[in-house]
Amino acid sequence: MHKTYTINGMTCEHCVKAITEEVSVIDGVDKVTVSLESGSMTIDSAEEIPFGQVADAVDEAGEYTVAEAASLDTAGHPGGQCGCGGHGHGAQKAEESGCGCGGHKHSDEAVAKHAQHAEKGGCGCGGHRA
């Protein structure tokens, strides 16, 4: 089984190593590939690994968030969200604010959340600008 996830909050290769090490020790995991560039992680296993176990391992690695993605193409935006949670995206092209992926406009609620994140130094998903 090949499962893809979005990882937010990674800033360097140390983050990649920490997440890889923690997720690799989950029973049943055969291979873990974490990409700083795409903000994604893939897990290969014989059986499906419960998301709670994956989330716990990522949390143990540090201040990161994890979300399931349908594929590497949707990593970072599973279900139309950027993975940091707390807001939805519109279907219009980015204007003034956005999560950095381009291709959509955030709702007024999301723009307000981005401003709050920016004041606190960001939420870890990268690219937020108010």
Protein backbone atom coordinates (compact mmCIF):
# COMPACT_ATOMS: atom_id res chain seq x y z
CA MET A 1 0.00 0.00 0.00
CA HIS A 2 1.27 3.47 -0.93
CA LYS A 3 -0.19 6.40 1.06
CA THR A 4 0.56 10.13 0.64
CA TYR A 5 0.41 12.84 3.30
CA THR A 6 1.02 16.57 3.57
CA ILE A 7 3.49 17.66 6.23
CA ASN A 8 3.50 21.30 7.31
CA GLY A 9 6.06 23.03 9.45
CA MET A 10 9.25 21.54 8.00
CA THR A 11 12.05 24.05 7.50
CA CYS A 12 15.19 21.96 6.96
CA GLU A 13 16.62 18.51 6.39
CA HIS A 14 16.73 17.94 10.16
CA CYS A 15 12.92 18.10 10.09
CA VAL A 16 12.86 15.53 7.28
CA LYS A 17 15.15 13.22 9.24
CA ALA A 18 13.16 13.54 12.49
CA ILE A 19 9.85 12.76 10.78
CA THR A 20 11.35 9.89 8.79
CA GLU A 21 12.81 8.32 11.93
CA GLU A 22 9.59 8.59 13.97
CA VAL A 23 7.28 7.29 11.23
CA SER A 24 9.68 4.49 10.27
CA VAL A 25 9.27 2.82 13.67
CA ILE A 26 5.51 2.38 13.31
CA ASP A 27 4.71 -1.33 13.10
CA GLY A 28 4.01 -2.34 9.51
CA VAL A 29 5.78 0.58 7.81
CA ASP A 30 8.13 -0.67 5.09
CA LYS A 31 9.40 2.65 3.70
CA VAL A 32 8.99 6.36 4.45
CA THR A 33 9.89 9.12 2.00
CA VAL A 34 9.67 12.72 3.24
CA SER A 35 10.20 15.68 0.90
CA LEU A 36 11.01 19.14 2.24
CA GLU A 37 10.53 20.63 -1.24
CA SER A 38 6.97 19.38 -1.75
CA GLY A 39 5.97 19.23 1.91
CA SER A 40 4.90 15.64 1.44
CA MET A 41 5.45 12.20 2.89
CA THR A 42 4.73 8.80 1.39
CA ILE A 43 4.47 5.61 3.40
CA ASP A 44 4.74 2.16 1.86
CA SER A 45 3.30 -0.71 3.88
CA ALA A 46 1.66 -4.10 3.40
CA GLU A 47 -1.44 -3.01 5.36
CA GLU A 48 -3.02 0.41 5.83
CA ILE A 49 -1.50 2.29 8.76
CA PRO A 50 -4.17 4.07 10.87
CA PHE A 51 -3.94 7.85 10.45
CA GLY A 52 -3.84 8.32 14.22
CA GLN A 53 -0.58 6.38 14.44
CA VAL A 54 0.92 8.47 11.64
CA ALA A 55 -0.25 11.72 13.26
CA ASP A 56 1.16 10.65 16.66
CA ALA A 57 4.55 9.82 15.11
CA VAL A 58 4.71 13.13 13.23
CA ASP A 59 3.76 14.96 16.42
CA GLU A 60 6.50 13.10 18.31
CA ALA A 61 9.01 14.33 15.70
CA GLY A 62 8.28 17.98 16.45
CA GLU A 63 5.96 20.91 15.80
CA TYR A 64 4.51 19.61 12.52
CA THR A 65 1.03 18.98 11.20
CA VAL A 66 -0.01 16.14 8.94
CA ALA A 67 -2.99 15.67 6.61
CA GLU A 68 -3.90 12.89 4.23
CA ALA A 69 -3.55 13.63 0.50
CA ALA A 70 -4.99 11.73 -2.46
CA SER A 71 -1.64 11.82 -4.31
CA LEU A 72 1.59 13.78 -4.55
CA ASP A 73 -0.28 16.10 -6.92
CA THR A 74 -2.68 17.02 -4.11
CA ALA A 75 -0.14 16.98 -1.28
CA GLY A 76 -0.44 20.32 0.43
CA HIS A 77 -4.04 20.72 -0.66
CA PRO A 78 -6.03 17.62 0.25
CA GLY A 79 -9.73 18.30 -0.08
CA GLY A 80 -9.03 21.82 -1.34
CA GLN A 81 -7.30 22.95 1.84
CA CYS A 82 -3.65 23.76 2.40
CA GLY A 83 -3.21 21.28 5.25
CA CYS A 84 -2.73 23.84 8.02
CA GLY A 85 -6.49 23.64 8.64
CA GLY A 86 -8.92 26.28 9.73
CA HIS A 87 -10.02 27.59 6.38
CA GLY A 88 -11.39 26.68 2.98
CA HIS A 89 -10.34 27.90 -0.41
CA GLY A 90 -12.34 29.46 -3.17
CA ALA A 91 -11.97 28.36 -6.78
CA GLN A 92 -10.68 31.68 -8.10
CA LYS A 93 -7.12 32.69 -8.87
CA ALA A 94 -5.04 33.98 -5.93
CA GLU A 95 -5.40 37.67 -5.20
CA GLU A 96 -3.60 39.59 -2.44
CA SER A 97 -3.43 36.59 -0.11
CA GLY A 98 -3.10 32.85 -0.37
CA CYS A 99 -1.21 29.88 0.94
CA GLY A 100 1.51 30.11 -1.68
CA CYS A 101 0.34 27.43 -4.09
CA GLY A 102 -1.46 29.89 -6.37
CA GLY A 103 -4.60 29.09 -8.30
CA HIS A 104 -7.18 30.16 -5.77
CA LYS A 105 -8.49 33.04 -3.66
CA HIS A 106 -9.01 32.70 0.04
CA SER A 107 -12.28 33.54 1.78
CA ASP A 108 -12.43 36.62 4.02
CA GLU A 109 -12.29 34.29 7.02
CA ALA A 110 -9.11 32.68 5.70
CA VAL A 111 -7.50 36.08 5.03
CA ALA A 112 -8.16 36.99 8.68
CA LYS A 113 -6.62 33.67 9.85
CA HIS A 114 -3.57 34.30 7.65
CA ALA A 115 -3.14 37.73 9.26
CA GLN A 116 -3.27 36.10 12.71
CA HIS A 117 -0.70 33.49 11.66
CA ALA A 118 1.57 36.17 10.20
CA GLU A 119 1.49 38.12 13.48
CA LYS A 120 2.55 34.97 15.33
CA GLY A 121 5.28 34.07 12.82
CA GLY A 122 3.24 31.76 10.63
CA CYS A 123 1.37 28.49 11.03
CA GLY A 124 4.06 26.35 9.43
CA CYS A 125 2.41 25.66 6.10
CA GLY A 126 4.53 28.29 4.36
CA GLY A 127 3.51 31.05 2.02
CA HIS A 128 0.86 32.77 4.13
CA ARG A 129 0.73 36.50 3.60
CA ALA A 130 -1.99 38.84 4.81
